[in-house]
Amino acid sequence: MLEREFQAKLIRDIHNRFPGCIVMKNDSGYLQGIPDLTVLYKNHWATLEDKKNAKATHRPNQDYYVEKMNEMSFSAFVYPENVEEVLNEMERSFQDCR
């Protein structure tokens, strides 16, 4: 599966799991290494860096931004092999922030 196909499916899955959420695609050309997606849901937010598979390489600064944003709210690398686990963690994170 291509990364863009996985990302499209991931966005659909996020909308199904978090009705009414806003999913925004970020511009890595503006800030290199910033995660691909920002998810806004009620009074919560998360960022996700999608990869086509678990072995895909990380670009410069991606680890930095995912770690930094995870300290602030929720952020993770997501790929087909861990998508359910990441979405479950994101859901728990959103519940913990109430």
PDB file of N, CA and C in Angstrom:
ATOM      1  N   MET A   1       0.848  -1.177   0.000  1.00  0.00           N
ATOM      2  CA  MET A   1       0.000   0.000   0.000  1.00  0.00           C
ATOM      3  C   MET A   1       0.896   1.242   0.000  1.00  0.00           C
ATOM      4  N   LEU A   2       0.578   2.192  -0.840  1.00  0.00           N
ATOM      5  CA  LEU A   2       1.309   3.448  -0.874  1.00  0.00           C
ATOM      6  C   LEU A   2       0.972   4.282   0.352  1.00  0.00           C
ATOM      7  N   GLU A   3       1.887   5.171   0.723  1.00  0.00           N
ATOM      8  CA  GLU A   3       1.656   6.011   1.907  1.00  0.00           C
ATOM      9  C   GLU A   3       0.407   6.879   1.738  1.00  0.00           C
ATOM     10  N   ARG A   4       0.190   7.423   0.556  1.00  0.00           N
ATOM     11  CA  ARG A   4      -0.988   8.282   0.362  1.00  0.00           C
ATOM     12  C   ARG A   4      -2.291   7.484   0.487  1.00  0.00           C
ATOM     13  N   GLU A   5      -2.274   6.215   0.068  1.00  0.00           N
ATOM     14  CA  GLU A   5      -3.461   5.362   0.226  1.00  0.00           C
ATOM     15  C   GLU A   5      -3.699   5.064   1.705  1.00  0.00           C
ATOM     16  N   PHE A   6      -2.619   4.772   2.429  1.00  0.00           N
ATOM     17  CA  PHE A   6      -2.745   4.531   3.859  1.00  0.00           C
ATOM     18  C   PHE A   6      -3.251   5.786   4.566  1.00  0.00           C
ATOM     19  N   GLN A   7      -2.708   6.946   4.179  1.00  0.00           N
ATOM     20  CA  GLN A   7      -3.136   8.191   4.824  1.00  0.00           C
ATOM     21  C   GLN A   7      -4.631   8.450   4.593  1.00  0.00           C
ATOM     22  N   ALA A   8      -5.120   8.225   3.391  1.00  0.00           N
ATOM     23  CA  ALA A   8      -6.542   8.433   3.099  1.00  0.00           C
ATOM     24  C   ALA A   8      -7.415   7.514   3.959  1.00  0.00           C
ATOM     25  N   LYS A   9      -7.010   6.253   4.093  1.00  0.00           N
ATOM     26  CA  LYS A   9      -7.756   5.310   4.930  1.00  0.00           C
ATOM     27  C   LYS A   9      -7.669   5.724   6.399  1.00  0.00           C
ATOM     28  N   LEU A  10      -6.498   6.156   6.826  1.00  0.00           N
ATOM     29  CA  LEU A  10      -6.314   6.603   8.206  1.00  0.00           C
ATOM     30  C   LEU A  10      -7.232   7.781   8.524  1.00  0.00           C
ATOM     31  N   ILE A  11      -7.315   8.739   7.630  1.00  0.00           N
ATOM     32  CA  ILE A  11      -8.184   9.898   7.852  1.00  0.00           C
ATOM     33  C   ILE A  11      -9.635   9.454   7.968  1.00  0.00           C
ATOM     34  N   ARG A  12     -10.071   8.526   7.123  1.00  0.00           N
ATOM     35  CA  ARG A  12     -11.450   8.005   7.220  1.00  0.00           C
ATOM     36  C   ARG A  12     -11.663   7.326   8.574  1.00  0.00           C
ATOM     37  N   ASP A  13     -10.691   6.521   9.005  1.00  0.00           N
ATOM     38  CA  ASP A  13     -10.789   5.825  10.295  1.00  0.00           C
ATOM     39  C   ASP A  13     -10.871   6.825  11.453  1.00  0.00           C
ATOM     40  N   ILE A  14     -10.095   7.885  11.389  1.00  0.00           N
ATOM     41  CA  ILE A  14     -10.124   8.915  12.445  1.00  0.00           C
ATOM     42  C   ILE A  14     -11.491   9.578  12.487  1.00  0.00           C
ATOM     43  N   HIS A  15     -12.028   9.946  11.328  1.00  0.00           N
ATOM     44  CA  HIS A  15     -13.363  10.572  11.281  1.00  0.00           C
ATOM     45  C   HIS A  15     -14.434   9.636  11.832  1.00  0.00           C
ATOM     46  N   ASN A  16     -14.319   8.350  11.565  1.00  0.00           N
ATOM     47  CA  ASN A  16     -15.293   7.385  12.087  1.00  0.00           C
ATOM     48  C   ASN A  16     -15.184   7.229  13.599  1.00  0.00           C
ATOM     49  N   ARG A  17     -13.971   7.226  14.113  1.00  0.00           N
ATOM     50  CA  ARG A  17     -13.757   7.011  15.541  1.00  0.00           C
ATOM     51  C   ARG A  17     -14.046   8.266  16.361  1.00  0.00           C
ATOM     52  N   PHE A  18     -13.787   9.438  15.783  1.00  0.00           N
ATOM     53  CA  PHE A  18     -13.957  10.711  16.490  1.00  0.00           C
ATOM     54  C   PHE A  18     -14.902  11.610  15.688  1.00  0.00           C
ATOM     55  N   PRO A  19     -16.208  11.333  15.751  1.00  0.00           N
ATOM     56  CA  PRO A  19     -17.176  12.095  14.951  1.00  0.00           C
ATOM     57  C   PRO A  19     -17.069  13.596  15.238  1.00  0.00           C
ATOM     58  N   GLY A  20     -17.079  14.374  14.179  1.00  0.00           N
ATOM     59  CA  GLY A  20     -17.008  15.820  14.319  1.00  0.00           C
ATOM     60  C   GLY A  20     -15.599  16.368  14.422  1.00  0.00           C
ATOM     61  N   CYS A  21     -14.597  15.502  14.380  1.00  0.00           N
ATOM     62  CA  CYS A  21     -13.214  15.977  14.482  1.00  0.00           C
ATOM     63  C   CYS A  21     -12.815  16.716  13.206  1.00  0.00           C
ATOM     64  N   ILE A  22     -11.736  17.450  13.302  1.00  0.00           N
ATOM     65  CA  ILE A  22     -11.127  18.104  12.144  1.00  0.00           C
ATOM     66  C   ILE A  22      -9.750  17.477  11.960  1.00  0.00           C
ATOM     67  N   VAL A  23      -9.475  17.001  10.750  1.00  0.00           N
ATOM     68  CA  VAL A  23      -8.167  16.436  10.428  1.00  0.00           C
ATOM     69  C   VAL A  23      -7.525  17.350   9.388  1.00  0.00           C
ATOM     70  N   MET A  24      -6.353  17.875   9.730  1.00  0.00           N
ATOM     71  CA  MET A  24      -5.651  18.783   8.831  1.00  0.00           C
ATOM     72  C   MET A  24      -4.334  18.162   8.391  1.00  0.00           C
ATOM     73  N   LYS A  25      -4.024  18.298   7.104  1.00  0.00           N
ATOM     74  CA  LYS A  25      -2.732  17.858   6.587  1.00  0.00           C
ATOM     75  C   LYS A  25      -1.746  19.014   6.750  1.00  0.00           C
ATOM     76  N   ASN A  26      -0.599  18.714   7.339  1.00  0.00           N
ATOM     77  CA  ASN A  26       0.411  19.741   7.567  1.00  0.00           C
ATOM     78  C   ASN A  26       1.385  19.810   6.405  1.00  0.00           C
ATOM     79  N   ASP A  27       2.014  20.949   6.235  1.00  0.00           N
ATOM     80  CA  ASP A  27       2.944  21.204   5.136  1.00  0.00           C
ATOM     81  C   ASP A  27       4.377  21.067   5.622  1.00  0.00           C
ATOM     82  N   SER A  28       5.022  19.943   5.298  1.00  0.00           N
ATOM     83  CA  SER A  28       6.404  19.728   5.729  1.00  0.00           C
ATOM     84  C   SER A  28       7.355  20.693   5.032  1.00  0.00           C
ATOM     85  N   GLY A  29       6.910  21.308   3.946  1.00  0.00           N
ATOM     86  CA  GLY A  29       7.727  22.315   3.283  1.00  0.00           C
ATOM     87  C   GLY A  29       7.831  23.588   4.104  1.00  0.00           C
ATOM     88  N   TYR A  30       6.847  23.824   4.939  1.00  0.00           N
ATOM     89  CA  TYR A  30       6.855  24.996   5.815  1.00  0.00           C
ATOM     90  C   TYR A  30       7.733  24.760   7.036  1.00  0.00           C
ATOM     91  N   LEU A  31       7.579  23.594   7.665  1.00  0.00           N
ATOM     92  CA  LEU A  31       8.363  23.248   8.851  1.00  0.00           C
ATOM     93  C   LEU A  31       8.790  21.791   8.698  1.00  0.00           C
ATOM     94  N   GLN A  32      10.028  21.585   8.258  1.00  0.00           N
ATOM     95  CA  GLN A  32      10.525  20.247   7.945  1.00  0.00           C
ATOM     96  C   GLN A  32      10.498  19.353   9.180  1.00  0.00           C
ATOM     97  N   GLY A  33       9.885  18.172   9.032  1.00  0.00           N
ATOM     98  CA  GLY A  33       9.816  17.201  10.116  1.00  0.00           C
ATOM     99  C   GLY A  33       8.522  17.232  10.899  1.00  0.00           C
ATOM    100  N   ILE A  34       7.691  18.225  10.658  1.00  0.00           N
ATOM    101  CA  ILE A  34       6.408  18.328  11.373  1.00  0.00           C
ATOM    102  C   ILE A  34       5.538  17.128  10.976  1.00  0.00           C
ATOM    103  N   PRO A  35       4.796  16.543  11.918  1.00  0.00           N
ATOM    104  CA  PRO A  35       3.958  15.384  11.568  1.00  0.00           C
ATOM    105  C   PRO A  35       2.956  15.689  10.451  1.00  0.00           C
ATOM    106  N   ASP A  36       2.562  14.660   9.735  1.00  0.00           N
ATOM    107  CA  ASP A  36       1.686  14.801   8.566  1.00  0.00           C
ATOM    108  C   ASP A  36       0.302  15.336   8.900  1.00  0.00           C
ATOM    109  N   LEU A  37      -0.272  14.883  10.008  1.00  0.00           N
ATOM    110  CA  LEU A  37      -1.667  15.207  10.318  1.00  0.00           C
ATOM    111  C   LEU A  37      -1.800  15.828  11.700  1.00  0.00           C
ATOM    112  N   THR A  38      -2.710  16.783  11.808  1.00  0.00           N
ATOM    113  CA  THR A  38      -3.150  17.312  13.101  1.00  0.00           C
ATOM    114  C   THR A  38      -4.625  16.976  13.234  1.00  0.00           C
ATOM    115  N   VAL A  39      -4.991  16.428  14.384  1.00  0.00           N
ATOM    116  CA  VAL A  39      -6.379  16.052  14.657  1.00  0.00           C
ATOM    117  C   VAL A  39      -6.892  16.938  15.791  1.00  0.00           C
ATOM    118  N   LEU A  40      -7.986  17.646  15.536  1.00  0.00           N
ATOM    119  CA  LEU A  40      -8.658  18.463  16.550  1.00  0.00           C
ATOM    120  C   LEU A  40      -9.972  17.777  16.896  1.00  0.00           C
ATOM    121  N   TYR A  41     -10.174  17.532  18.185  1.00  0.00           N
ATOM    122  CA  TYR A  41     -11.386  16.832  18.606  1.00  0.00           C
ATOM    123  C   TYR A  41     -11.842  17.403  19.945  1.00  0.00           C
ATOM    124  N   LYS A  42     -13.011  18.026  19.925  1.00  0.00           N
ATOM    125  CA  LYS A  42     -13.531  18.703  21.113  1.00  0.00           C
ATOM    126  C   LYS A  42     -12.448  19.641  21.636  1.00  0.00           C
ATOM    127  N   ASN A  43     -11.982  19.461  22.867  1.00  0.00           N
ATOM    128  CA  ASN A  43     -10.935  20.342  23.392  1.00  0.00           C
ATOM    129  C   ASN A  43      -9.573  19.639  23.421  1.00  0.00           C
ATOM    130  N   HIS A  44      -9.356  18.703  22.510  1.00  0.00           N
ATOM    131  CA  HIS A  44      -8.130  17.920  22.456  1.00  0.00           C
ATOM    132  C   HIS A  44      -7.469  18.072  21.087  1.00  0.00           C
ATOM    133  N   TRP A  45      -6.174  17.723  21.037  1.00  0.00           N
ATOM    134  CA  TRP A  45      -5.476  17.687  19.750  1.00  0.00           C
ATOM    135  C   TRP A  45      -4.429  16.578  19.771  1.00  0.00           C
ATOM    136  N   ALA A  46      -4.069  16.156  18.572  1.00  0.00           N
ATOM    137  CA  ALA A  46      -3.039  15.137  18.397  1.00  0.00           C
ATOM    138  C   ALA A  46      -2.379  15.369  17.048  1.00  0.00           C
ATOM    139  N   THR A  47      -1.150  14.875  16.920  1.00  0.00           N
ATOM    140  CA  THR A  47      -0.496  14.875  15.621  1.00  0.00           C
ATOM    141  C   THR A  47      -0.050  13.451  15.306  1.00  0.00           C
ATOM    142  N   LEU A  48      -0.084  13.115  14.027  1.00  0.00           N
ATOM    143  CA  LEU A  48       0.294  11.772  13.576  1.00  0.00           C
ATOM    144  C   LEU A  48       1.219  11.880  12.377  1.00  0.00           C
ATOM    145  N   GLU A  49       2.288  11.131  12.428  1.00  0.00           N
ATOM    146  CA  GLU A  49       3.197  11.008  11.289  1.00  0.00           C
ATOM    147  C   GLU A  49       2.931   9.643  10.669  1.00  0.00           C
ATOM    148  N   ASP A  50       2.323   9.634   9.484  1.00  0.00           N
ATOM    149  CA  ASP A  50       1.997   8.342   8.872  1.00  0.00           C
ATOM    150  C   ASP A  50       3.145   7.864   7.995  1.00  0.00           C
ATOM    151  N   LYS A  51       3.344   6.548   8.051  1.00  0.00           N
ATOM    152  CA  LYS A  51       4.376   5.870   7.277  1.00  0.00           C
ATOM    153  C   LYS A  51       3.738   4.685   6.564  1.00  0.00           C
ATOM    154  N   LYS A  52       4.292   4.306   5.409  1.00  0.00           N
ATOM    155  CA  LYS A  52       3.696   3.206   4.647  1.00  0.00           C
ATOM    156  C   LYS A  52       3.880   1.857   5.323  1.00  0.00           C
ATOM    157  N   ASN A  53       4.908   1.731   6.183  1.00  0.00           N
ATOM    158  CA  ASN A  53       5.104   0.498   6.946  1.00  0.00           C
ATOM    159  C   ASN A  53       6.032   0.772   8.120  1.00  0.00           C
ATOM    160  N   ALA A  54       6.170  -0.191   8.993  1.00  0.00           N
ATOM    161  CA  ALA A  54       6.954  -0.022  10.219  1.00  0.00           C
ATOM    162  C   ALA A  54       8.438   0.196   9.945  1.00  0.00           C
ATOM    163  N   LYS A  55       8.925  -0.232   8.786  1.00  0.00           N
ATOM    164  CA  LYS A  55      10.354  -0.118   8.481  1.00  0.00           C
ATOM    165  C   LYS A  55      10.695   1.125   7.673  1.00  0.00           C
ATOM    166  N   ALA A  56       9.704   1.948   7.364  1.00  0.00           N
ATOM    167  CA  ALA A  56       9.958   3.163   6.579  1.00  0.00           C
ATOM    168  C   ALA A  56      10.889   4.098   7.356  1.00  0.00           C
ATOM    169  N   THR A  57      11.767   4.749   6.632  1.00  0.00           N
ATOM    170  CA  THR A  57      12.737   5.633   7.280  1.00  0.00           C
ATOM    171  C   THR A  57      12.070   6.896   7.816  1.00  0.00           C
ATOM    172  N   HIS A  58      12.663   7.441   8.859  1.00  0.00           N
ATOM    173  CA  HIS A  58      12.208   8.701   9.439  1.00  0.00           C
ATOM    174  C   HIS A  58      13.055   9.818   8.844  1.00  0.00           C
ATOM    175  N   ARG A  59      12.411  10.878   8.430  1.00  0.00           N
ATOM    176  CA  ARG A  59      13.098  12.037   7.875  1.00  0.00           C
ATOM    177  C   ARG A  59      13.699  12.861   9.020  1.00  0.00           C
ATOM    178  N   PRO A  60      14.659  13.740   8.699  1.00  0.00           N
ATOM    179  CA  PRO A  60      15.238  14.582   9.742  1.00  0.00           C
ATOM    180  C   PRO A  60      14.159  15.370  10.503  1.00  0.00           C
ATOM    181  N   ASN A  61      14.319  15.446  11.779  1.00  0.00           N
ATOM    182  CA  ASN A  61      13.456  16.191  12.704  1.00  0.00           C
ATOM    183  C   ASN A  61      12.124  15.512  13.028  1.00  0.00           C
ATOM    184  N   GLN A  62      11.734  14.453  12.329  1.00  0.00           N
ATOM    185  CA  GLN A  62      10.442  13.824  12.626  1.00  0.00           C
ATOM    186  C   GLN A  62      10.404  13.263  14.035  1.00  0.00           C
ATOM    187  N   ASP A  63      11.444  12.577  14.453  1.00  0.00           N
ATOM    188  CA  ASP A  63      11.471  12.028  15.807  1.00  0.00           C
ATOM    189  C   ASP A  63      11.372  13.153  16.842  1.00  0.00           C
ATOM    190  N   TYR A  64      12.102  14.234  16.596  1.00  0.00           N
ATOM    191  CA  TYR A  64      12.085  15.373  17.513  1.00  0.00           C
ATOM    192  C   TYR A  64      10.660  15.910  17.687  1.00  0.00           C
ATOM    193  N   TYR A  65       9.985  16.197  16.578  1.00  0.00           N
ATOM    194  CA  TYR A  65       8.646  16.788  16.672  1.00  0.00           C
ATOM    195  C   TYR A  65       7.616  15.824  17.251  1.00  0.00           C
ATOM    196  N   VAL A  66       7.687  14.546  16.895  1.00  0.00           N
ATOM    197  CA  VAL A  66       6.741  13.579  17.459  1.00  0.00           C
ATOM    198  C   VAL A  66       6.938  13.481  18.971  1.00  0.00           C
ATOM    199  N   GLU A  67       8.183  13.406  19.413  1.00  0.00           N
ATOM    200  CA  GLU A  67       8.445  13.328  20.854  1.00  0.00           C
ATOM    201  C   GLU A  67       8.004  14.605  21.571  1.00  0.00           C
ATOM    202  N   LYS A  68       8.347  15.765  21.025  1.00  0.00           N
ATOM    203  CA  LYS A  68       7.995  17.052  21.638  1.00  0.00           C
ATOM    204  C   LYS A  68       6.471  17.211  21.734  1.00  0.00           C
ATOM    205  N   MET A  69       5.764  16.917  20.656  1.00  0.00           N
ATOM    206  CA  MET A  69       4.307  17.073  20.649  1.00  0.00           C
ATOM    207  C   MET A  69       3.636  16.026  21.521  1.00  0.00           C
ATOM    208  N   ASN A  70       4.242  14.849  21.656  1.00  0.00           N
ATOM    209  CA  ASN A  70       3.673  13.836  22.538  1.00  0.00           C
ATOM    210  C   ASN A  70       3.771  14.275  24.001  1.00  0.00           C
ATOM    211  N   GLU A  71       4.791  15.050  24.341  1.00  0.00           N
ATOM    212  CA  GLU A  71       4.894  15.596  25.692  1.00  0.00           C
ATOM    213  C   GLU A  71       3.812  16.648  25.942  1.00  0.00           C
ATOM    214  N   MET A  72       3.375  17.337  24.896  1.00  0.00           N
ATOM    215  CA  MET A  72       2.366  18.385  25.017  1.00  0.00           C
ATOM    216  C   MET A  72       0.948  17.825  25.051  1.00  0.00           C
ATOM    217  N   SER A  73       0.686  16.837  24.225  1.00  0.00           N
ATOM    218  CA  SER A  73      -0.652  16.263  24.098  1.00  0.00           C
ATOM    219  C   SER A  73      -0.512  14.800  23.686  1.00  0.00           C
ATOM    220  N   PHE A  74      -0.698  14.510  22.396  1.00  0.00           N
ATOM    221  CA  PHE A  74      -0.508  13.158  21.886  1.00  0.00           C
ATOM    222  C   PHE A  74       0.094  13.252  20.497  1.00  0.00           C
ATOM    223  N   SER A  75       1.117  12.448  20.243  1.00  0.00           N
ATOM    224  CA  SER A  75       1.730  12.371  18.925  1.00  0.00           C
ATOM    225  C   SER A  75       2.350  10.998  18.770  1.00  0.00           C
ATOM    226  N   ALA A  76       2.326  10.476  17.536  1.00  0.00           N
ATOM    227  CA  ALA A  76       2.855   9.137  17.310  1.00  0.00           C
ATOM    228  C   ALA A  76       3.143   8.927  15.833  1.00  0.00           C
ATOM    229  N   PHE A  77       4.040   7.961  15.581  1.00  0.00           N
ATOM    230  CA  PHE A  77       4.214   7.436  14.234  1.00  0.00           C
ATOM    231  C   PHE A  77       3.148   6.362  14.054  1.00  0.00           C
ATOM    232  N   VAL A  78       2.487   6.367  12.914  1.00  0.00           N
ATOM    233  CA  VAL A  78       1.429   5.386  12.663  1.00  0.00           C
ATOM    234  C   VAL A  78       1.648   4.769  11.290  1.00  0.00           C
ATOM    235  N   TYR A  79       1.449   3.462  11.228  1.00  0.00           N
ATOM    236  CA  TYR A  79       1.593   2.704   9.985  1.00  0.00           C
ATOM    237  C   TYR A  79       0.612   1.543  10.054  1.00  0.00           C
ATOM    238  N   PRO A  80       0.382   0.846   8.935  1.00  0.00           N
ATOM    239  CA  PRO A  80      -0.648  -0.201   8.925  1.00  0.00           C
ATOM    240  C   PRO A  80      -0.506  -1.227  10.049  1.00  0.00           C
ATOM    241  N   GLU A  81       0.728  -1.536  10.438  1.00  0.00           N
ATOM    242  CA  GLU A  81       0.942  -2.563  11.456  1.00  0.00           C
ATOM    243  C   GLU A  81       0.545  -2.117  12.863  1.00  0.00           C
ATOM    244  N   ASN A  82       0.449  -0.799  13.123  1.00  0.00           N
ATOM    245  CA  ASN A  82       0.114  -0.348  14.485  1.00  0.00           C
ATOM    246  C   ASN A  82      -1.071   0.615  14.549  1.00  0.00           C
ATOM    247  N   VAL A  83      -1.793   0.766  13.457  1.00  0.00           N
ATOM    248  CA  VAL A  83      -2.833   1.794  13.394  1.00  0.00           C
ATOM    249  C   VAL A  83      -3.879   1.633  14.503  1.00  0.00           C
ATOM    250  N   GLU A  84      -4.327   0.430  14.753  1.00  0.00           N
ATOM    251  CA  GLU A  84      -5.361   0.225  15.776  1.00  0.00           C
ATOM    252  C   GLU A  84      -4.819   0.584  17.158  1.00  0.00           C
ATOM    253  N   GLU A  85      -3.606   0.172  17.437  1.00  0.00           N
ATOM    254  CA  GLU A  85      -2.981   0.489  18.721  1.00  0.00           C
ATOM    255  C   GLU A  85      -2.839   2.004  18.917  1.00  0.00           C
ATOM    256  N   VAL A  86      -2.392   2.708  17.881  1.00  0.00           N
ATOM    257  CA  VAL A  86      -2.208   4.160  17.973  1.00  0.00           C
ATOM    258  C   VAL A  86      -3.544   4.865  18.161  1.00  0.00           C
ATOM    259  N   LEU A  87      -4.559   4.469  17.407  1.00  0.00           N
ATOM    260  CA  LEU A  87      -5.868   5.110  17.561  1.00  0.00           C
ATOM    261  C   LEU A  87      -6.464   4.831  18.941  1.00  0.00           C
ATOM    262  N   ASN A  88      -6.229   3.640  19.475  1.00  0.00           N
ATOM    263  CA  ASN A  88      -6.683   3.343  20.841  1.00  0.00           C
ATOM    264  C   ASN A  88      -5.965   4.228  21.858  1.00  0.00           C
ATOM    265  N   GLU A  89      -4.657   4.395  21.684  1.00  0.00           N
ATOM    266  CA  GLU A  89      -3.888   5.264  22.583  1.00  0.00           C
ATOM    267  C   GLU A  89      -4.348   6.713  22.475  1.00  0.00           C
ATOM    268  N   MET A  90      -4.625   7.155  21.259  1.00  0.00           N
ATOM    269  CA  MET A  90      -5.102   8.518  21.056  1.00  0.00           C
ATOM    270  C   MET A  90      -6.442   8.717  21.751  1.00  0.00           C
ATOM    271  N   GLU A  91      -7.315   7.737  21.631  1.00  0.00           N
ATOM    272  CA  GLU A  91      -8.617   7.812  22.290  1.00  0.00           C
ATOM    273  C   GLU A  91      -8.443   7.897  23.811  1.00  0.00           C
ATOM    274  N   ARG A  92      -7.570   7.081  24.379  1.00  0.00           N
ATOM    275  CA  ARG A  92      -7.299   7.147  25.829  1.00  0.00           C
ATOM    276  C   ARG A  92      -6.730   8.504  26.213  1.00  0.00           C
ATOM    277  N   SER A  93      -5.853   9.026  25.393  1.00  0.00           N
ATOM    278  CA  SER A  93      -5.262  10.335  25.655  1.00  0.00           C
ATOM    279  C   SER A  93      -6.344  11.414  25.684  1.00  0.00           C
ATOM    280  N   PHE A  94      -7.262  11.352  24.747  1.00  0.00           N
ATOM    281  CA  PHE A  94      -8.341  12.332  24.708  1.00  0.00           C
ATOM    282  C   PHE A  94      -9.224  12.222  25.938  1.00  0.00           C
ATOM    283  N   GLN A  95      -9.454  11.029  26.430  1.00  0.00           N
ATOM    284  CA  GLN A  95     -10.278  10.841  27.622  1.00  0.00           C
ATOM    285  C   GLN A  95      -9.553  11.334  28.883  1.00  0.00           C
ATOM    286  N   ASP A  96      -8.246  11.150  28.939  1.00  0.00           N
ATOM    287  CA  ASP A  96      -7.464  11.561  30.107  1.00  0.00           C
ATOM    288  C   ASP A  96      -7.401  13.072  30.255  1.00  0.00           C
ATOM    289  N   CYS A  97      -7.636  13.815  29.171  1.00  0.00           N
ATOM    290  CA  CYS A  97      -7.459  15.269  29.190  1.00  0.00           C
ATOM    291  C   CYS A  97      -8.707  16.020  29.638  1.00  0.00           C
ATOM    292  N   ARG A  98      -9.743  15.365  29.993  1.00  0.00           N
ATOM    293  CA  ARG A  98     -11.000  16.062  30.325  1.00  0.00           C
ATOM    294  C   ARG A  98     -10.873  16.924  31.533  1.00  0.00           C
TER     295      ARG A  98
END
